[in-house]
Amino acid sequence: MKLARGWCLGFCAFAILINAFGQTLQPEAIRPTGVPTPVEKVDAATPSKKDVAKAKKDDTATPKIKRPRSKTKRAASTPHEESLPPTSGGVPSTGAKSVMMVDARTGQTLYEKNADEIRQAASTQKLLTALIIAEHGLLDQPVRVESIDTMAEPVKLNIKPGDTYQRIDLLRALLVKSPNDVARCLARDHAGSVEAFAEIMNQRARELGATRSHFVNPNGLPVPGQYSSARDLSLIARAAYANPTIRSIVCLPKLVFRFANGRTRELENTNKVLKQLSYCNGMKTGYTEAAGHCLIASGSRPGRDVIVVVLGDSKSGVWRDASALLSWGLWM
């Protein structure tokens, strides 16, 4: 009995030892469906291979720097607005006797000062001469110079009687350098005489609404009974500004004129504002002792075109006043 009980206890002890030994050798025992496999715990102090690889990748990557956004917006630059002229808000003071400023597109008056005062226009009235020639056309046709054309002191191109030029070449010289002999040549060729051309000038001026003007010659040299006003000249200038031929000429800073004998001469534009302001695109100068220094200047920027007429100014003041008014008118 005692022997049987001993055998039984020994067998049970042996079975327990065999079971414990089997669990040690097979830690990943097969489990029933739906029972998750235990997750292997990783010591926090010992990083896994995946973490090490990620850390190396992050070390080699270029760090992204977040730049602060500027609160100021960059202004868009345009050909005529690279640096806006300073404007105080008020109309610039001028020393000119008469001033007229208009919107070249609409004709709206932007500023005036003694605009209806009767004054000498000097060579600014050559804009009307040029307008009549340009509107007539046939600019590629020849024009023969006559002796009577050369009687026009003091500013002359010295074209010679008997010489022949294309009408467009004489028109360009007229608007850029303002020679009086060229004005007479174009007028006489167009109408038969200077006097007949003056009648055409007066008729065209009335059509434009310039009713306070009377012209006697095509070049603006002082003679009794010849006069105009800043307002009338602004009306003439608007019509000239709208003419593509004139617009293409008055903006030229210089040109080369070829005489009939083959000699060439560089003609520099008499309009100094054209060189001083990038947004000035031309028009016409004038001077006589009776008229003082005069200037019709035009300028443009996107969406705006302005014409300024300055009459009876000083030699230095005419450029200063016209520049200030043009800048104010464009950016008012």
Protein backbone atom coordinates (compact mmCIF):
# COMPACT_ATOMS: atom_id res chain seq x y z
CA MET A 1 0.00 0.00 0.00
CA LYS A 2 2.73 2.36 1.03
CA LEU A 3 4.71 1.29 -2.03
CA ALA A 4 1.82 2.03 -4.36
CA ARG A 5 1.31 5.47 -2.77
CA GLY A 6 5.02 6.27 -3.31
CA TRP A 7 4.87 5.27 -6.94
CA CYS A 8 1.82 7.45 -7.44
CA LEU A 9 3.44 10.52 -5.83
CA GLY A 10 6.64 10.03 -7.84
CA PHE A 11 4.68 9.81 -11.12
CA CYS A 12 2.81 13.03 -10.37
CA ALA A 13 6.03 14.89 -9.55
CA PHE A 14 7.60 13.65 -12.79
CA ALA A 15 4.61 14.80 -14.82
CA ILE A 16 4.79 18.28 -13.31
CA LEU A 17 8.49 18.57 -14.15
CA ILE A 18 7.89 17.48 -17.77
CA ASN A 19 5.10 20.13 -18.23
CA ALA A 20 7.24 22.98 -16.84
CA PHE A 21 10.16 22.00 -19.03
CA GLY A 22 7.93 22.01 -22.17
CA GLN A 23 6.64 25.56 -21.51
CA THR A 24 10.19 26.85 -21.22
CA LEU A 25 11.17 25.42 -24.62
CA GLN A 26 7.98 26.67 -26.44
CA PRO A 27 7.19 30.26 -25.35
CA GLU A 28 5.16 30.99 -28.54
CA ALA A 29 2.51 28.34 -28.09
CA ILE A 30 -0.30 28.07 -30.63
CA ARG A 31 -3.32 30.06 -29.42
CA PRO A 32 -7.00 29.81 -30.31
CA THR A 33 -8.42 32.15 -33.02
CA GLY A 34 -9.29 35.59 -31.65
CA VAL A 35 -6.78 35.58 -28.82
CA PRO A 36 -4.02 38.20 -29.55
CA THR A 37 -0.38 37.30 -29.35
CA PRO A 38 1.31 39.07 -26.43
CA VAL A 39 3.22 42.23 -27.54
CA GLU A 40 6.89 42.22 -26.72
CA LYS A 41 7.71 45.00 -24.28
CA VAL A 42 10.63 47.27 -25.19
CA ASP A 43 12.76 48.93 -22.57
CA ALA A 44 12.44 52.73 -22.83
CA ALA A 45 16.16 53.17 -22.45
CA THR A 46 16.92 50.87 -25.39
CA PRO A 47 15.63 52.30 -28.75
CA SER A 48 14.36 49.92 -31.40
CA LYS A 49 15.99 49.54 -34.85
CA LYS A 50 13.04 51.38 -36.42
CA ASP A 51 13.52 54.38 -34.11
CA VAL A 52 17.26 54.48 -34.78
CA ALA A 53 16.71 54.48 -38.55
CA LYS A 54 14.10 57.27 -38.26
CA ALA A 55 16.45 59.37 -36.11
CA LYS A 56 19.25 59.03 -38.68
CA LYS A 57 16.89 60.13 -41.47
CA ASP A 58 15.77 63.18 -39.47
CA ASP A 59 19.40 64.16 -38.78
CA THR A 60 20.27 64.17 -42.49
CA ALA A 61 17.15 66.08 -43.58
CA THR A 62 17.44 69.84 -44.13
CA PRO A 63 15.47 71.63 -41.48
CA LYS A 64 12.62 73.81 -42.78
CA ILE A 65 12.85 77.42 -41.65
CA LYS A 66 9.54 79.18 -41.33
CA ARG A 67 10.02 82.71 -42.56
CA PRO A 68 7.86 85.43 -41.04
CA ARG A 69 5.41 86.99 -43.47
CA SER A 70 5.98 90.63 -44.29
CA LYS A 71 3.06 92.86 -43.45
CA THR A 72 3.88 95.25 -46.29
CA LYS A 73 2.87 94.45 -49.88
CA ARG A 74 5.22 94.99 -52.74
CA ALA A 75 4.00 97.61 -55.14
CA ALA A 76 3.67 96.52 -58.76
CA SER A 77 6.12 98.45 -60.98
CA THR A 78 5.07 99.95 -64.35
CA PRO A 79 7.08 101.81 -67.01
CA HIS A 80 5.71 105.24 -65.92
CA GLU A 81 5.45 104.50 -62.16
CA GLU A 82 8.84 103.17 -61.09
CA SER A 83 9.10 106.01 -58.59
CA LEU A 84 6.03 108.10 -57.98
CA PRO A 85 6.67 111.84 -57.84
CA PRO A 86 5.97 113.45 -54.48
CA THR A 87 2.68 115.30 -54.36
CA SER A 88 1.64 117.43 -51.41
CA GLY A 89 -2.02 117.30 -52.42
CA GLY A 90 -2.26 120.93 -53.52
CA VAL A 91 -1.73 122.34 -56.98
CA PRO A 92 1.92 123.40 -57.44
CA SER A 93 2.45 127.16 -57.46
CA THR A 94 3.71 128.53 -60.78
CA GLY A 95 5.23 131.72 -62.11
CA ALA A 96 3.54 131.43 -65.50
CA LYS A 97 1.05 134.09 -66.55
CA SER A 98 -1.47 131.54 -67.86
CA VAL A 99 -1.91 127.84 -67.19
CA MET A 100 -4.34 125.21 -68.38
CA MET A 101 -4.36 121.51 -67.49
CA VAL A 102 -6.80 119.04 -69.01
CA ASP A 103 -7.44 115.32 -69.16
CA ALA A 104 -6.32 114.44 -72.68
CA ARG A 105 -8.96 111.73 -73.02
CA THR A 106 -12.07 113.46 -71.71
CA GLY A 107 -11.18 117.14 -71.97
CA GLN A 108 -12.01 117.66 -68.31
CA THR A 109 -10.36 120.72 -66.80
CA LEU A 110 -7.99 119.69 -64.02
CA TYR A 111 -6.60 123.14 -63.25
CA GLU A 112 -6.61 126.61 -64.79
CA LYS A 113 -5.00 129.96 -64.12
CA ASN A 114 -5.91 132.94 -66.31
CA ALA A 115 -6.78 130.37 -68.97
CA ASP A 116 -8.81 132.78 -71.09
CA GLU A 117 -6.32 135.63 -70.97
CA ILE A 118 -5.32 136.67 -74.50
CA ARG A 119 -1.62 135.98 -75.03
CA GLN A 120 1.01 135.32 -77.67
CA ALA A 121 1.47 131.60 -78.31
CA ALA A 122 4.89 131.70 -80.00
CA SER A 123 5.91 128.36 -81.55
CA THR A 124 3.35 126.36 -79.57
CA GLN A 125 0.91 127.24 -82.37
CA LYS A 126 3.00 125.05 -84.68
CA LEU A 127 0.98 122.19 -83.20
CA LEU A 128 -1.97 123.51 -85.21
CA THR A 129 0.21 123.82 -88.32
CA ALA A 130 1.37 120.22 -87.86
CA LEU A 131 -2.18 119.00 -87.17
CA ILE A 132 -3.47 120.42 -90.47
CA ILE A 133 -0.58 118.88 -92.44
CA ALA A 134 -0.96 115.49 -90.71
CA GLU A 135 -4.73 115.40 -91.19
CA HIS A 136 -4.37 116.22 -94.89
CA GLY A 137 -2.12 113.18 -95.36
CA LEU A 138 -0.01 112.36 -98.43
CA LEU A 139 3.01 112.53 -96.14
CA ASP A 140 5.18 110.52 -98.52
CA GLN A 141 4.75 113.13 -101.27
CA PRO A 142 7.60 115.51 -102.25
CA VAL A 143 7.66 119.17 -101.22
CA ARG A 144 9.76 121.67 -103.18
CA VAL A 145 11.33 124.55 -101.25
CA GLU A 146 10.72 128.07 -102.59
CA SER A 147 12.71 131.24 -101.89
CA ILE A 148 9.84 132.81 -99.93
CA ASP A 149 9.92 129.87 -97.52
CA THR A 150 13.39 130.76 -96.28
CA MET A 151 12.42 134.25 -95.06
CA ALA A 152 11.86 133.26 -91.44
CA GLU A 153 14.35 134.34 -88.83
CA PRO A 154 15.71 133.54 -86.30
CA VAL A 155 15.37 129.75 -85.96
CA LYS A 156 15.92 128.05 -89.31
CA LEU A 157 16.92 124.64 -90.62
CA ASN A 158 18.44 126.39 -93.64
CA ILE A 159 16.67 124.41 -96.31
CA LYS A 160 17.60 125.77 -99.75
CA PRO A 161 15.33 126.95 -102.57
CA GLY A 162 14.94 124.26 -105.20
CA ASP A 163 15.57 121.39 -102.78
CA THR A 164 12.95 118.66 -102.47
CA TYR A 165 11.97 116.75 -99.33
CA GLN A 166 9.33 114.28 -98.30
CA ARG A 167 6.51 115.97 -96.42
CA ILE A 168 6.91 113.61 -93.44
CA ASP A 169 10.58 114.57 -93.06
CA LEU A 170 9.71 118.26 -92.88
CA LEU A 171 6.90 117.54 -90.43
CA ARG A 172 9.26 115.67 -88.12
CA ALA A 173 11.79 118.50 -88.21
CA LEU A 174 9.04 121.02 -87.46
CA LEU A 175 7.84 119.26 -84.31
CA VAL A 176 11.25 118.27 -82.93
CA LYS A 177 13.45 121.32 -83.65
CA SER A 178 10.81 123.97 -84.49
CA PRO A 179 12.45 125.68 -87.50
CA ASN A 180 10.43 128.61 -88.86
CA ASP A 181 11.47 128.12 -92.49
CA VAL A 182 10.11 124.57 -92.45
CA ALA A 183 6.77 125.81 -91.07
CA ARG A 184 6.48 128.35 -93.90
CA CYS A 185 7.46 125.73 -96.50
CA LEU A 186 4.79 123.27 -95.34
CA ALA A 187 2.13 126.00 -95.12
CA ARG A 188 2.82 127.50 -98.54
CA ASP A 189 2.96 124.04 -100.16
CA HIS A 190 -0.38 123.09 -98.56
CA ALA A 191 -2.42 126.23 -99.23
CA GLY A 192 -0.50 128.18 -101.91
CA SER A 193 0.54 130.97 -99.54
CA VAL A 194 1.14 131.66 -95.86
CA GLU A 195 -1.91 133.93 -95.76
CA ALA A 196 -4.19 131.26 -97.21
CA PHE A 197 -2.84 128.72 -94.73
CA ALA A 198 -3.57 131.11 -91.84
CA GLU A 199 -7.24 131.10 -92.89
CA ILE A 200 -7.23 127.31 -92.74
CA MET A 201 -5.67 127.50 -89.27
CA ASN A 202 -8.43 129.79 -88.03
CA GLN A 203 -11.14 127.60 -89.51
CA ARG A 204 -9.71 124.45 -87.91
CA ALA A 205 -9.31 126.27 -84.58
CA ARG A 206 -13.00 127.26 -84.61
CA GLU A 207 -13.96 123.65 -85.37
CA LEU A 208 -12.07 122.59 -82.25
CA GLY A 209 -13.79 125.24 -80.12
CA ALA A 210 -10.78 127.56 -79.94
CA THR A 211 -12.80 130.73 -80.48
CA ARG A 212 -10.52 133.15 -78.61
CA SER A 213 -7.63 132.76 -81.05
CA HIS A 214 -6.58 134.32 -84.32
CA PHE A 215 -3.60 133.17 -86.36
CA VAL A 216 -1.73 135.08 -89.04
CA ASN A 217 1.26 132.84 -89.75
CA PRO A 218 2.17 129.14 -89.30
CA ASN A 219 5.24 129.60 -87.09
CA GLY A 220 4.16 131.90 -84.24
CA LEU A 221 6.47 134.80 -84.92
CA PRO A 222 4.88 137.96 -83.46
CA VAL A 223 2.71 140.00 -85.82
CA PRO A 224 -0.22 142.30 -85.10
CA GLY A 225 -3.54 140.52 -84.74
CA GLN A 226 -2.12 137.11 -83.81
CA TYR A 227 -3.07 135.72 -80.40
CA SER A 228 -4.45 132.77 -78.51
CA SER A 229 -5.10 131.59 -74.93
CA ALA A 230 -4.11 128.72 -72.71
CA ARG A 231 -7.61 127.23 -72.96
CA ASP A 232 -7.68 127.41 -76.77
CA LEU A 233 -4.21 125.88 -77.04
CA SER A 234 -5.30 123.00 -74.79
CA LEU A 235 -8.14 122.26 -77.25
CA ILE A 236 -5.70 122.28 -80.17
CA ALA A 237 -3.25 120.15 -78.20
CA ARG A 238 -5.94 117.55 -77.44
CA ALA A 239 -6.65 117.15 -81.16
CA ALA A 240 -2.93 116.88 -81.90
CA TYR A 241 -2.48 114.35 -79.08
CA ALA A 242 -5.19 112.19 -80.62
CA ASN A 243 -3.40 112.17 -83.99
CA PRO A 244 -1.13 109.09 -84.23
CA THR A 245 1.32 110.73 -86.64
CA ILE A 246 1.92 113.68 -84.34
CA ARG A 247 2.08 111.48 -81.26
CA SER A 248 4.78 109.37 -82.89
CA ILE A 249 6.92 112.45 -83.57
CA VAL A 250 6.62 114.69 -80.50
CA CYS A 251 7.91 111.90 -78.24
CA LEU A 252 11.24 111.68 -80.10
CA PRO A 253 14.18 113.00 -78.06
CA LYS A 254 16.16 113.49 -81.28
CA LEU A 255 16.24 112.60 -84.95
CA VAL A 256 18.64 112.72 -87.90
CA PHE A 257 17.59 115.02 -90.74
CA ARG A 258 19.05 114.38 -94.20
CA PHE A 259 19.42 117.42 -96.41
CA ALA A 260 18.86 117.27 -100.15
CA ASN A 261 22.63 117.30 -100.79
CA GLY A 262 23.11 114.22 -98.61
CA ARG A 263 24.46 116.01 -95.55
CA THR A 264 22.92 114.93 -92.24
CA ARG A 265 22.26 116.82 -89.02
CA GLU A 266 21.10 115.54 -85.67
CA LEU A 267 18.14 117.52 -84.37
CA GLU A 268 17.60 117.51 -80.61
CA ASN A 269 14.11 118.00 -79.24
CA THR A 270 13.61 121.45 -77.73
CA ASN A 271 11.32 120.03 -75.01
CA LYS A 272 13.55 119.53 -71.96
CA VAL A 273 10.74 118.00 -69.89
CA LEU A 274 10.79 115.08 -72.31
CA LYS A 275 14.26 114.21 -70.99
CA GLN A 276 13.56 115.00 -67.34
CA LEU A 277 10.40 112.95 -66.84
CA SER A 278 10.02 109.40 -68.11
CA TYR A 279 6.25 109.79 -68.25
CA CYS A 280 6.36 112.93 -70.42
CA ASN A 281 5.59 111.96 -74.02
CA GLY A 282 6.07 115.22 -75.86
CA MET A 283 4.27 118.24 -77.35
CA LYS A 284 5.68 121.68 -78.23
CA THR A 285 7.86 124.53 -76.98
CA GLY A 286 7.74 128.23 -77.83
CA TYR A 287 9.49 131.50 -77.12
CA THR A 288 9.46 135.12 -78.23
CA GLU A 289 10.08 138.27 -76.22
CA ALA A 290 6.40 139.14 -76.48
CA ALA A 291 5.16 135.68 -75.48
CA GLY A 292 7.79 134.75 -72.92
CA HIS A 293 8.68 131.11 -72.48
CA CYS A 294 5.83 128.78 -73.38
CA LEU A 295 5.33 125.03 -73.35
CA ILE A 296 2.63 122.52 -74.09
CA ALA A 297 3.60 119.26 -72.39
CA SER A 298 1.82 115.93 -72.33
CA GLY A 299 2.28 112.91 -70.13
CA SER A 300 0.74 109.54 -69.51
CA ARG A 301 0.60 106.65 -67.11
CA PRO A 302 -1.67 103.59 -67.22
CA GLY A 303 -5.26 104.82 -67.33
CA ARG A 304 -4.48 108.55 -67.46
CA ASP A 305 -3.26 111.13 -70.00
CA VAL A 306 -2.74 114.80 -69.16
CA ILE A 307 -1.92 117.92 -71.19
CA VAL A 308 -0.44 121.04 -69.58
CA VAL A 309 -0.26 124.48 -71.24
CA VAL A 310 2.12 127.03 -69.70
CA LEU A 311 2.32 130.53 -71.20
CA GLY A 312 4.37 133.60 -70.27
CA ASP A 313 6.89 131.93 -67.98
CA SER A 314 10.60 132.51 -67.29
CA LYS A 315 13.42 130.61 -68.96
CA SER A 316 14.02 128.25 -66.05
CA GLY A 317 10.52 128.42 -64.64
CA VAL A 318 8.80 127.01 -67.70
CA TRP A 319 10.46 123.59 -67.28
CA ARG A 320 9.98 123.55 -63.52
CA ASP A 321 6.35 124.62 -63.67
CA ALA A 322 5.39 122.26 -66.48
CA SER A 323 7.12 119.32 -64.77
CA ALA A 324 5.42 119.99 -61.43
CA LEU A 325 2.00 120.42 -63.01
CA LEU A 326 2.37 117.33 -65.18
CA SER A 327 3.37 115.21 -62.20
CA TRP A 328 0.55 116.59 -60.07
CA GLY A 329 -2.01 116.06 -62.84
CA LEU A 330 -1.03 112.46 -63.42
CA TRP A 331 -0.99 111.46 -59.75
CA MET A 332 -3.55 113.82 -58.20
